[in-house]
Amino acid sequence: MQSGMDYSQIPPQFLLVGGVVSLLMLAGLITAIVFFWRHARAQSLSWSQRIEFLRRVPVSPVALMMLIAILFLLYAVMALAVIAMGQGGASEWGFALQTLAFHWAVIIFVIVWKLRSGWSWRGMFGFGMRGFTYQASRGLLAYLIVFPLIILSALVYQWILIWLGYQPVQQPIMDFLSGDISVFTRVYGLLLAVLIAPVAEELLFRGLLLPVLARRLGVVAGVLGVSLIFAGMHLFIPALVPLFFVSVACCLAYVYTGSLTTAIVFHSIFNSVNLALFTVLHEFVA
């Protein structure tokens, strides 16, 4: 009589994804142990100094409210344009207009605001070619450290949703990108996921919103508030808890390094890995 699991019956895609996730979990645990052990020995983890940096970031609440108003206005115009063209919300036109009304609007607003304010990119967000490689590597390390927490929180959260009678579904944007769309839209969607969205969302949530909330409510409340808004903004119930932890991690990465580059790289890696795993498993989750 045979004992144990017959792995020949498991689709190779599941074995590949399971192997990748297991390796990332192991790498994350090792990275976290080494990171905190080194800082515990050096006693150089001064959060008070890093928090003070966050409070000095030159972000105006007026400018932030102006941006939010612009985003709401653009979204309303985009919705009317899609209705006028007779296109559904999941159409290629609707997809392009949605990203124009949010992601590109945030990027353009920040560029214009920076030029008008006279502040440097380093002074506002810690950007700069000097130290770029170091800050980017911190983003990779932060992702590895947080990856086990993201996976465990996602599994527990999905189990709770199923227990409550909610059947988790695939995120609509993933279904859209894997559907019958043009090559241009597919390539643009990939660029949006791995580059444009991480830049725009980190500029808005960590670069602008976090400093304002931190000054008004305190850093802890600011991080929690930004993370709740970030998770809720995606309007996808099955991802609320994992996205909350992703946002907290991006906030801490930004505060710790003083550079938004770290949070952007973290966000980009998170989206890229999810997109790659979805591509492998698409035929099973569609």
C-alpha atoms as a PDB file:
ATOM      1  CA  MET A   1       0.000   0.000   0.000  1.00  0.00           C
ATOM      2  CA  GLN A   2       1.358   3.404  -0.969  1.00  0.00           C
ATOM      3  CA  SER A   3       1.743   6.052   1.695  1.00  0.00           C
ATOM      4  CA  GLY A   4       2.239   9.784   1.407  1.00  0.00           C
ATOM      5  CA  MET A   5       1.166  12.174  -1.293  1.00  0.00           C
ATOM      6  CA  ASP A   6       1.363  11.336  -4.979  1.00  0.00           C
ATOM      7  CA  TYR A   7       3.048  14.452  -6.331  1.00  0.00           C
ATOM      8  CA  SER A   8       2.588  13.226  -9.912  1.00  0.00           C
ATOM      9  CA  GLN A   9      -1.095  14.163  -9.596  1.00  0.00           C
ATOM     10  CA  ILE A  10      -0.304  17.780  -8.719  1.00  0.00           C
ATOM     11  CA  PRO A  11      -0.172  20.199 -11.682  1.00  0.00           C
ATOM     12  CA  PRO A  12       3.414  21.373 -12.270  1.00  0.00           C
ATOM     13  CA  GLN A  13       2.258  24.989 -12.023  1.00  0.00           C
ATOM     14  CA  PHE A  14       1.277  24.456  -8.385  1.00  0.00           C
ATOM     15  CA  LEU A  15       4.606  22.808  -7.627  1.00  0.00           C
ATOM     16  CA  LEU A  16       6.459  25.734  -9.245  1.00  0.00           C
ATOM     17  CA  VAL A  17       4.484  28.366  -7.348  1.00  0.00           C
ATOM     18  CA  GLY A  18       4.785  26.392  -4.111  1.00  0.00           C
ATOM     19  CA  GLY A  19       8.534  26.124  -4.571  1.00  0.00           C
ATOM     20  CA  VAL A  20       8.926  29.845  -5.279  1.00  0.00           C
ATOM     21  CA  VAL A  21       6.775  30.821  -2.299  1.00  0.00           C
ATOM     22  CA  SER A  22       8.672  28.425  -0.026  1.00  0.00           C
ATOM     23  CA  LEU A  23      12.028  29.836  -1.141  1.00  0.00           C
ATOM     24  CA  LEU A  24      10.816  33.394  -0.582  1.00  0.00           C
ATOM     25  CA  MET A  25       9.490  32.437   2.863  1.00  0.00           C
ATOM     26  CA  LEU A  26      12.850  30.904   3.800  1.00  0.00           C
ATOM     27  CA  ALA A  27      14.780  33.857   2.387  1.00  0.00           C
ATOM     28  CA  GLY A  28      12.479  36.243   4.241  1.00  0.00           C
ATOM     29  CA  LEU A  29      12.923  34.526   7.599  1.00  0.00           C
ATOM     30  CA  ILE A  30      16.720  34.424   7.215  1.00  0.00           C
ATOM     31  CA  THR A  31      16.854  38.064   6.103  1.00  0.00           C
ATOM     32  CA  ALA A  32      14.682  39.174   9.032  1.00  0.00           C
ATOM     33  CA  ILE A  33      16.824  37.309  11.578  1.00  0.00           C
ATOM     34  CA  VAL A  34      20.074  38.719  10.181  1.00  0.00           C
ATOM     35  CA  PHE A  35      18.669  42.243   9.865  1.00  0.00           C
ATOM     36  CA  PHE A  36      17.343  42.521  13.412  1.00  0.00           C
ATOM     37  CA  TRP A  37      20.341  40.682  14.898  1.00  0.00           C
ATOM     38  CA  ARG A  38      22.782  43.112  13.291  1.00  0.00           C
ATOM     39  CA  HIS A  39      20.813  46.138  14.454  1.00  0.00           C
ATOM     40  CA  ALA A  40      20.420  44.715  17.944  1.00  0.00           C
ATOM     41  CA  ARG A  41      24.191  44.266  18.182  1.00  0.00           C
ATOM     42  CA  ALA A  42      24.996  47.675  16.731  1.00  0.00           C
ATOM     43  CA  GLN A  43      22.185  49.403  18.659  1.00  0.00           C
ATOM     44  CA  SER A  44      21.878  51.843  15.770  1.00  0.00           C
ATOM     45  CA  LEU A  45      18.155  51.605  15.061  1.00  0.00           C
ATOM     46  CA  SER A  46      17.114  55.126  16.070  1.00  0.00           C
ATOM     47  CA  TRP A  47      13.483  55.487  15.092  1.00  0.00           C
ATOM     48  CA  SER A  48      13.167  58.856  16.820  1.00  0.00           C
ATOM     49  CA  GLN A  49      15.532  60.471  14.313  1.00  0.00           C
ATOM     50  CA  ARG A  50      13.773  58.854  11.388  1.00  0.00           C
ATOM     51  CA  ILE A  51      10.366  59.941  12.653  1.00  0.00           C
ATOM     52  CA  GLU A  52      11.622  63.492  13.010  1.00  0.00           C
ATOM     53  CA  PHE A  53      12.649  63.397   9.342  1.00  0.00           C
ATOM     54  CA  LEU A  54       9.101  62.439   8.399  1.00  0.00           C
ATOM     55  CA  ARG A  55       7.680  65.414  10.288  1.00  0.00           C
ATOM     56  CA  ARG A  56       9.984  67.784   8.392  1.00  0.00           C
ATOM     57  CA  VAL A  57       8.967  66.609   4.916  1.00  0.00           C
ATOM     58  CA  PRO A  58       7.687  69.801   3.191  1.00  0.00           C
ATOM     59  CA  VAL A  59       4.196  68.602   2.260  1.00  0.00           C
ATOM     60  CA  SER A  60       1.410  71.170   2.433  1.00  0.00           C
ATOM     61  CA  PRO A  61      -2.054  69.982   3.548  1.00  0.00           C
ATOM     62  CA  VAL A  62      -3.494  72.499   1.086  1.00  0.00           C
ATOM     63  CA  ALA A  63      -1.578  70.930  -1.792  1.00  0.00           C
ATOM     64  CA  LEU A  64      -2.717  67.473  -0.707  1.00  0.00           C
ATOM     65  CA  MET A  65      -6.377  68.530  -0.543  1.00  0.00           C
ATOM     66  CA  MET A  66      -5.987  70.151  -3.953  1.00  0.00           C
ATOM     67  CA  LEU A  67      -4.656  66.904  -5.393  1.00  0.00           C
ATOM     68  CA  ILE A  68      -7.497  64.882  -3.869  1.00  0.00           C
ATOM     69  CA  ALA A  69     -10.039  67.310  -5.339  1.00  0.00           C
ATOM     70  CA  ILE A  70      -8.372  67.045  -8.757  1.00  0.00           C
ATOM     71  CA  LEU A  71      -8.441  63.236  -8.587  1.00  0.00           C
ATOM     72  CA  PHE A  72     -12.154  63.200  -7.745  1.00  0.00           C
ATOM     73  CA  LEU A  73     -12.870  65.646 -10.578  1.00  0.00           C
ATOM     74  CA  LEU A  74     -10.820  63.679 -13.094  1.00  0.00           C
ATOM     75  CA  TYR A  75     -12.466  60.421 -12.040  1.00  0.00           C
ATOM     76  CA  ALA A  76     -15.914  61.947 -12.575  1.00  0.00           C
ATOM     77  CA  VAL A  77     -14.900  63.240 -16.022  1.00  0.00           C
ATOM     78  CA  MET A  78     -13.412  59.841 -16.885  1.00  0.00           C
ATOM     79  CA  ALA A  79     -16.597  58.047 -15.846  1.00  0.00           C
ATOM     80  CA  LEU A  80     -18.725  60.374 -17.985  1.00  0.00           C
ATOM     81  CA  ALA A  81     -16.363  59.907 -20.950  1.00  0.00           C
ATOM     82  CA  VAL A  82     -16.596  56.121 -20.712  1.00  0.00           C
ATOM     83  CA  ILE A  83     -20.408  56.289 -20.538  1.00  0.00           C
ATOM     84  CA  ALA A  84     -20.503  58.659 -23.517  1.00  0.00           C
ATOM     85  CA  MET A  85     -18.388  56.257 -25.584  1.00  0.00           C
ATOM     86  CA  GLY A  86     -20.645  53.355 -24.648  1.00  0.00           C
ATOM     87  CA  GLN A  87     -17.743  51.415 -23.159  1.00  0.00           C
ATOM     88  CA  GLY A  88     -17.915  49.258 -20.035  1.00  0.00           C
ATOM     89  CA  GLY A  89     -15.728  49.866 -17.022  1.00  0.00           C
ATOM     90  CA  ALA A  90     -13.554  46.889 -17.926  1.00  0.00           C
ATOM     91  CA  SER A  91     -12.943  47.994 -21.526  1.00  0.00           C
ATOM     92  CA  GLU A  92      -9.553  49.042 -22.829  1.00  0.00           C
ATOM     93  CA  TRP A  93     -10.686  52.651 -23.073  1.00  0.00           C
ATOM     94  CA  GLY A  94     -12.025  52.579 -19.548  1.00  0.00           C
ATOM     95  CA  PHE A  95      -8.777  51.057 -18.294  1.00  0.00           C
ATOM     96  CA  ALA A  96      -6.650  53.706 -20.018  1.00  0.00           C
ATOM     97  CA  LEU A  97      -8.811  56.581 -18.796  1.00  0.00           C
ATOM     98  CA  GLN A  98      -8.832  55.235 -15.247  1.00  0.00           C
ATOM     99  CA  THR A  99      -5.036  55.152 -15.072  1.00  0.00           C
ATOM    100  CA  LEU A 100      -4.867  58.617 -16.649  1.00  0.00           C
ATOM    101  CA  ALA A 101      -7.280  60.013 -14.077  1.00  0.00           C
ATOM    102  CA  PHE A 102      -5.384  58.574 -11.130  1.00  0.00           C
ATOM    103  CA  HIS A 103      -1.805  57.389 -11.615  1.00  0.00           C
ATOM    104  CA  TRP A 104      -0.689  59.848 -14.270  1.00  0.00           C
ATOM    105  CA  ALA A 105      -2.586  62.674 -12.579  1.00  0.00           C
ATOM    106  CA  VAL A 106      -0.665  62.072  -9.336  1.00  0.00           C
ATOM    107  CA  ILE A 107       2.707  61.975 -11.105  1.00  0.00           C
ATOM    108  CA  ILE A 108       2.025  65.134 -13.135  1.00  0.00           C
ATOM    109  CA  PHE A 109       0.697  66.983 -10.083  1.00  0.00           C
ATOM    110  CA  VAL A 110       3.793  66.148  -8.026  1.00  0.00           C
ATOM    111  CA  ILE A 111       6.125  67.270 -10.828  1.00  0.00           C
ATOM    112  CA  VAL A 112       4.278  70.582 -11.227  1.00  0.00           C
ATOM    113  CA  TRP A 113       4.100  71.117  -7.474  1.00  0.00           C
ATOM    114  CA  LYS A 114       7.813  70.410  -7.110  1.00  0.00           C
ATOM    115  CA  LEU A 115       8.688  72.928  -9.856  1.00  0.00           C
ATOM    116  CA  ARG A 116       6.466  75.608  -8.304  1.00  0.00           C
ATOM    117  CA  SER A 117       7.608  75.016  -4.713  1.00  0.00           C
ATOM    118  CA  GLY A 118      11.320  75.055  -5.499  1.00  0.00           C
ATOM    119  CA  TRP A 119      12.056  72.078  -3.249  1.00  0.00           C
ATOM    120  CA  SER A 120      14.504  69.428  -4.405  1.00  0.00           C
ATOM    121  CA  TRP A 121      13.517  65.807  -5.043  1.00  0.00           C
ATOM    122  CA  ARG A 122      15.896  64.766  -2.256  1.00  0.00           C
ATOM    123  CA  GLY A 123      14.399  67.278   0.139  1.00  0.00           C
ATOM    124  CA  MET A 124      10.837  66.171  -0.569  1.00  0.00           C
ATOM    125  CA  PHE A 125      11.125  62.426  -1.053  1.00  0.00           C
ATOM    126  CA  GLY A 126      14.765  61.469  -0.534  1.00  0.00           C
ATOM    127  CA  PHE A 127      15.234  60.877  -4.267  1.00  0.00           C
ATOM    128  CA  GLY A 128      18.648  61.133  -5.876  1.00  0.00           C
ATOM    129  CA  MET A 129      21.177  59.185  -7.891  1.00  0.00           C
ATOM    130  CA  ARG A 130      23.584  59.225  -4.961  1.00  0.00           C
ATOM    131  CA  GLY A 131      22.707  56.238  -2.831  1.00  0.00           C
ATOM    132  CA  PHE A 132      20.057  55.009  -5.287  1.00  0.00           C
ATOM    133  CA  THR A 133      21.450  51.463  -5.419  1.00  0.00           C
ATOM    134  CA  TYR A 134      21.588  51.273  -1.625  1.00  0.00           C
ATOM    135  CA  GLN A 135      18.007  52.526  -1.208  1.00  0.00           C
ATOM    136  CA  ALA A 136      16.754  50.171  -3.909  1.00  0.00           C
ATOM    137  CA  SER A 137      18.466  47.225  -2.208  1.00  0.00           C
ATOM    138  CA  ARG A 138      16.726  48.218   1.037  1.00  0.00           C
ATOM    139  CA  GLY A 139      13.446  47.843  -0.833  1.00  0.00           C
ATOM    140  CA  LEU A 140      14.333  44.276  -1.787  1.00  0.00           C
ATOM    141  CA  LEU A 141      15.379  43.455   1.774  1.00  0.00           C
ATOM    142  CA  ALA A 142      12.174  44.969   3.143  1.00  0.00           C
ATOM    143  CA  TYR A 143      10.119  42.842   0.761  1.00  0.00           C
ATOM    144  CA  LEU A 144      11.907  39.659   1.802  1.00  0.00           C
ATOM    145  CA  ILE A 145      11.495  40.482   5.498  1.00  0.00           C
ATOM    146  CA  VAL A 146       7.764  41.164   5.188  1.00  0.00           C
ATOM    147  CA  PHE A 147       6.956  38.407   2.669  1.00  0.00           C
ATOM    148  CA  PRO A 148       6.242  35.705   5.313  1.00  0.00           C
ATOM    149  CA  LEU A 149       3.848  38.075   7.108  1.00  0.00           C
ATOM    150  CA  ILE A 150       2.062  38.927   3.862  1.00  0.00           C
ATOM    151  CA  ILE A 151       1.603  35.251   2.965  1.00  0.00           C
ATOM    152  CA  LEU A 152       0.469  34.198   6.443  1.00  0.00           C
ATOM    153  CA  SER A 153      -1.950  37.127   6.770  1.00  0.00           C
ATOM    154  CA  ALA A 154      -3.366  36.371   3.310  1.00  0.00           C
ATOM    155  CA  LEU A 155      -3.912  32.686   4.130  1.00  0.00           C
ATOM    156  CA  VAL A 156      -5.588  33.414   7.485  1.00  0.00           C
ATOM    157  CA  TYR A 157      -7.709  36.173   5.954  1.00  0.00           C
ATOM    158  CA  GLN A 158      -8.840  33.965   3.058  1.00  0.00           C
ATOM    159  CA  TRP A 159      -9.743  31.201   5.521  1.00  0.00           C
ATOM    160  CA  ILE A 160     -11.829  33.661   7.553  1.00  0.00           C
ATOM    161  CA  LEU A 161     -13.611  34.929   4.427  1.00  0.00           C
ATOM    162  CA  ILE A 162     -14.469  31.378   3.358  1.00  0.00           C
ATOM    163  CA  TRP A 163     -15.612  30.542   6.903  1.00  0.00           C
ATOM    164  CA  LEU A 164     -17.912  33.594   6.787  1.00  0.00           C
ATOM    165  CA  GLY A 165     -19.380  32.390   3.490  1.00  0.00           C
ATOM    166  CA  TYR A 166     -17.550  34.801   1.181  1.00  0.00           C
ATOM    167  CA  GLN A 167     -15.990  33.045  -1.782  1.00  0.00           C
ATOM    168  CA  PRO A 168     -12.764  34.851  -2.753  1.00  0.00           C
ATOM    169  CA  VAL A 169     -12.485  35.755  -6.431  1.00  0.00           C
ATOM    170  CA  GLN A 170      -9.656  36.806  -8.702  1.00  0.00           C
ATOM    171  CA  GLN A 171      -8.855  40.529  -8.789  1.00  0.00           C
ATOM    172  CA  PRO A 172     -10.646  42.152 -11.781  1.00  0.00           C
ATOM    173  CA  ILE A 173      -7.474  43.815 -13.111  1.00  0.00           C
ATOM    174  CA  MET A 174      -5.840  40.383 -13.392  1.00  0.00           C
ATOM    175  CA  ASP A 175      -8.799  39.029 -15.347  1.00  0.00           C
ATOM    176  CA  PHE A 176      -8.677  42.089 -17.583  1.00  0.00           C
ATOM    177  CA  LEU A 177      -4.953  41.760 -18.360  1.00  0.00           C
ATOM    178  CA  SER A 178      -5.346  38.065 -19.189  1.00  0.00           C
ATOM    179  CA  GLY A 179      -8.403  38.634 -21.374  1.00  0.00           C
ATOM    180  CA  ASP A 180      -8.838  39.475 -25.049  1.00  0.00           C
ATOM    181  CA  ILE A 181      -7.040  42.835 -25.221  1.00  0.00           C
ATOM    182  CA  SER A 182      -4.581  44.408 -27.633  1.00  0.00           C
ATOM    183  CA  VAL A 183      -0.832  43.910 -27.307  1.00  0.00           C
ATOM    184  CA  PHE A 184      -0.406  47.617 -26.541  1.00  0.00           C
ATOM    185  CA  THR A 185      -2.903  47.481 -23.679  1.00  0.00           C
ATOM    186  CA  ARG A 186      -1.288  44.335 -22.293  1.00  0.00           C
ATOM    187  CA  VAL A 187       2.212  45.865 -22.385  1.00  0.00           C
ATOM    188  CA  TYR A 188       0.901  49.087 -20.862  1.00  0.00           C
ATOM    189  CA  GLY A 189      -0.826  47.089 -18.130  1.00  0.00           C
ATOM    190  CA  LEU A 190       2.436  45.337 -17.278  1.00  0.00           C
ATOM    191  CA  LEU A 191       4.310  48.664 -17.142  1.00  0.00           C
ATOM    192  CA  LEU A 192       1.523  50.067 -14.992  1.00  0.00           C
ATOM    193  CA  ALA A 193       1.795  47.212 -12.505  1.00  0.00           C
ATOM    194  CA  VAL A 194       5.579  47.134 -12.134  1.00  0.00           C
ATOM    195  CA  LEU A 195       6.495  50.807 -12.568  1.00  0.00           C
ATOM    196  CA  ILE A 196       3.785  53.444 -13.005  1.00  0.00           C
ATOM    197  CA  ALA A 197       1.453  52.345 -10.196  1.00  0.00           C
ATOM    198  CA  PRO A 198       4.244  51.872  -7.604  1.00  0.00           C
ATOM    199  CA  VAL A 199       5.630  55.343  -8.372  1.00  0.00           C
ATOM    200  CA  ALA A 200       2.248  57.104  -8.368  1.00  0.00           C
ATOM    201  CA  GLU A 201       0.806  55.326  -5.331  1.00  0.00           C
ATOM    202  CA  GLU A 202       3.957  55.740  -3.251  1.00  0.00           C
ATOM    203  CA  LEU A 203       4.124  59.443  -4.131  1.00  0.00           C
ATOM    204  CA  LEU A 204       0.522  59.886  -3.006  1.00  0.00           C
ATOM    205  CA  PHE A 205       0.262  57.645   0.044  1.00  0.00           C
ATOM    206  CA  ARG A 206       3.773  57.627   1.498  1.00  0.00           C
ATOM    207  CA  GLY A 207       5.218  60.808  -0.019  1.00  0.00           C
ATOM    208  CA  LEU A 208       2.272  63.177   0.518  1.00  0.00           C
ATOM    209  CA  LEU A 209      -0.407  61.677   2.755  1.00  0.00           C
ATOM    210  CA  LEU A 210       1.819  60.048   5.399  1.00  0.00           C
ATOM    211  CA  PRO A 211       3.753  63.216   6.406  1.00  0.00           C
ATOM    212  CA  VAL A 212       0.526  65.227   6.674  1.00  0.00           C
ATOM    213  CA  LEU A 213      -1.235  62.609   8.830  1.00  0.00           C
ATOM    214  CA  ALA A 214       1.931  62.052  10.904  1.00  0.00           C
ATOM    215  CA  ARG A 215       2.081  65.752  11.795  1.00  0.00           C
ATOM    216  CA  ARG A 216      -1.634  65.930  12.619  1.00  0.00           C
ATOM    217  CA  LEU A 217      -2.255  62.558  14.276  1.00  0.00           C
ATOM    218  CA  GLY A 218       1.171  61.181  15.185  1.00  0.00           C
ATOM    219  CA  VAL A 219       3.339  58.763  13.276  1.00  0.00           C
ATOM    220  CA  VAL A 220       1.669  55.532  14.437  1.00  0.00           C
ATOM    221  CA  ALA A 221      -1.833  56.808  13.695  1.00  0.00           C
ATOM    222  CA  GLY A 222      -0.559  58.219  10.407  1.00  0.00           C
ATOM    223  CA  VAL A 223       0.856  54.870   9.305  1.00  0.00           C
ATOM    224  CA  LEU A 224      -2.334  53.035  10.272  1.00  0.00           C
ATOM    225  CA  GLY A 225      -4.540  55.660   8.628  1.00  0.00           C
ATOM    226  CA  VAL A 226      -2.565  55.637   5.374  1.00  0.00           C
ATOM    227  CA  SER A 227      -2.614  51.838   5.317  1.00  0.00           C
ATOM    228  CA  LEU A 228      -6.373  51.640   5.839  1.00  0.00           C
ATOM    229  CA  ILE A 229      -6.951  54.143   3.039  1.00  0.00           C
ATOM    230  CA  PHE A 230      -4.462  52.370   0.764  1.00  0.00           C
ATOM    231  CA  ALA A 231      -6.077  48.961   1.279  1.00  0.00           C
ATOM    232  CA  GLY A 232      -9.604  50.328   0.900  1.00  0.00           C
ATOM    233  CA  MET A 233      -8.729  52.326  -2.211  1.00  0.00           C
ATOM    234  CA  HIS A 234      -8.176  49.110  -4.172  1.00  0.00           C
ATOM    235  CA  LEU A 235     -11.853  48.148  -3.646  1.00  0.00           C
ATOM    236  CA  PHE A 236     -11.087  44.428  -3.507  1.00  0.00           C
ATOM    237  CA  ILE A 237     -12.225  42.640  -0.357  1.00  0.00           C
ATOM    238  CA  PRO A 238     -10.002  39.502  -0.655  1.00  0.00           C
ATOM    239  CA  ALA A 239      -6.876  41.694  -0.663  1.00  0.00           C
ATOM    240  CA  LEU A 240      -7.732  44.145   2.133  1.00  0.00           C
ATOM    241  CA  VAL A 241      -5.618  42.572   4.888  1.00  0.00           C
ATOM    242  CA  PRO A 242      -2.527  41.726   2.788  1.00  0.00           C
ATOM    243  CA  LEU A 243      -2.566  45.214   1.224  1.00  0.00           C
ATOM    244  CA  PHE A 244      -2.831  46.750   4.689  1.00  0.00           C
ATOM    245  CA  PHE A 245       0.374  44.993   5.757  1.00  0.00           C
ATOM    246  CA  VAL A 246       2.046  45.922   2.462  1.00  0.00           C
ATOM    247  CA  SER A 247       1.222  49.565   3.128  1.00  0.00           C
ATOM    248  CA  VAL A 248       2.510  49.399   6.708  1.00  0.00           C
ATOM    249  CA  ALA A 249       5.737  47.872   5.409  1.00  0.00           C
ATOM    250  CA  CYS A 250       6.116  50.577   2.751  1.00  0.00           C
ATOM    251  CA  CYS A 251       5.521  53.262   5.375  1.00  0.00           C
ATOM    252  CA  LEU A 252       8.150  51.793   7.707  1.00  0.00           C
ATOM    253  CA  ALA A 253      10.592  51.340   4.829  1.00  0.00           C
ATOM    254  CA  TYR A 254      10.174  55.005   3.887  1.00  0.00           C
ATOM    255  CA  VAL A 255      10.556  56.220   7.468  1.00  0.00           C
ATOM    256  CA  TYR A 256      13.545  53.982   8.119  1.00  0.00           C
ATOM    257  CA  THR A 257      15.540  54.937   5.005  1.00  0.00           C
ATOM    258  CA  GLY A 258      14.265  58.468   4.483  1.00  0.00           C
ATOM    259  CA  SER A 259      13.897  57.687   0.781  1.00  0.00           C
ATOM    260  CA  LEU A 260      10.731  56.953  -1.151  1.00  0.00           C
ATOM    261  CA  THR A 261      12.884  54.899  -3.531  1.00  0.00           C
ATOM    262  CA  THR A 262      12.854  52.055  -0.994  1.00  0.00           C
ATOM    263  CA  ALA A 263       9.053  52.006  -0.801  1.00  0.00           C
ATOM    264  CA  ILE A 264       8.694  52.210  -4.591  1.00  0.00           C
ATOM    265  CA  VAL A 265      11.048  49.262  -5.127  1.00  0.00           C
ATOM    266  CA  PHE A 266       9.207  47.267  -2.437  1.00  0.00           C
ATOM    267  CA  HIS A 267       5.868  48.038  -4.108  1.00  0.00           C
ATOM    268  CA  SER A 268       7.221  47.182  -7.564  1.00  0.00           C
ATOM    269  CA  ILE A 269       8.606  43.822  -6.426  1.00  0.00           C
ATOM    270  CA  PHE A 270       5.325  42.998  -4.669  1.00  0.00           C
ATOM    271  CA  ASN A 271       3.308  43.701  -7.827  1.00  0.00           C
ATOM    272  CA  SER A 272       5.795  41.903 -10.085  1.00  0.00           C
ATOM    273  CA  VAL A 273       5.851  38.714  -7.990  1.00  0.00           C
ATOM    274  CA  ASN A 274       2.058  38.651  -7.723  1.00  0.00           C
ATOM    275  CA  LEU A 275       1.717  39.183 -11.465  1.00  0.00           C
ATOM    276  CA  ALA A 276       4.211  36.413 -12.227  1.00  0.00           C
ATOM    277  CA  LEU A 277       2.502  33.937  -9.887  1.00  0.00           C
ATOM    278  CA  PHE A 278      -0.906  34.816 -11.328  1.00  0.00           C
ATOM    279  CA  THR A 279       0.387  34.265 -14.866  1.00  0.00           C
ATOM    280  CA  VAL A 280       1.558  30.766 -13.916  1.00  0.00           C
ATOM    281  CA  LEU A 281      -1.702  29.857 -12.168  1.00  0.00           C
ATOM    282  CA  HIS A 282      -4.121  31.756 -14.405  1.00  0.00           C
ATOM    283  CA  GLU A 283      -5.751  28.679 -15.991  1.00  0.00           C
ATOM    284  CA  PHE A 284      -6.582  27.325 -12.520  1.00  0.00           C
ATOM    285  CA  VAL A 285      -7.906  30.531 -10.912  1.00  0.00           C
ATOM    286  CA  ALA A 286      -9.767  31.977 -13.896  1.00  0.00           C
END
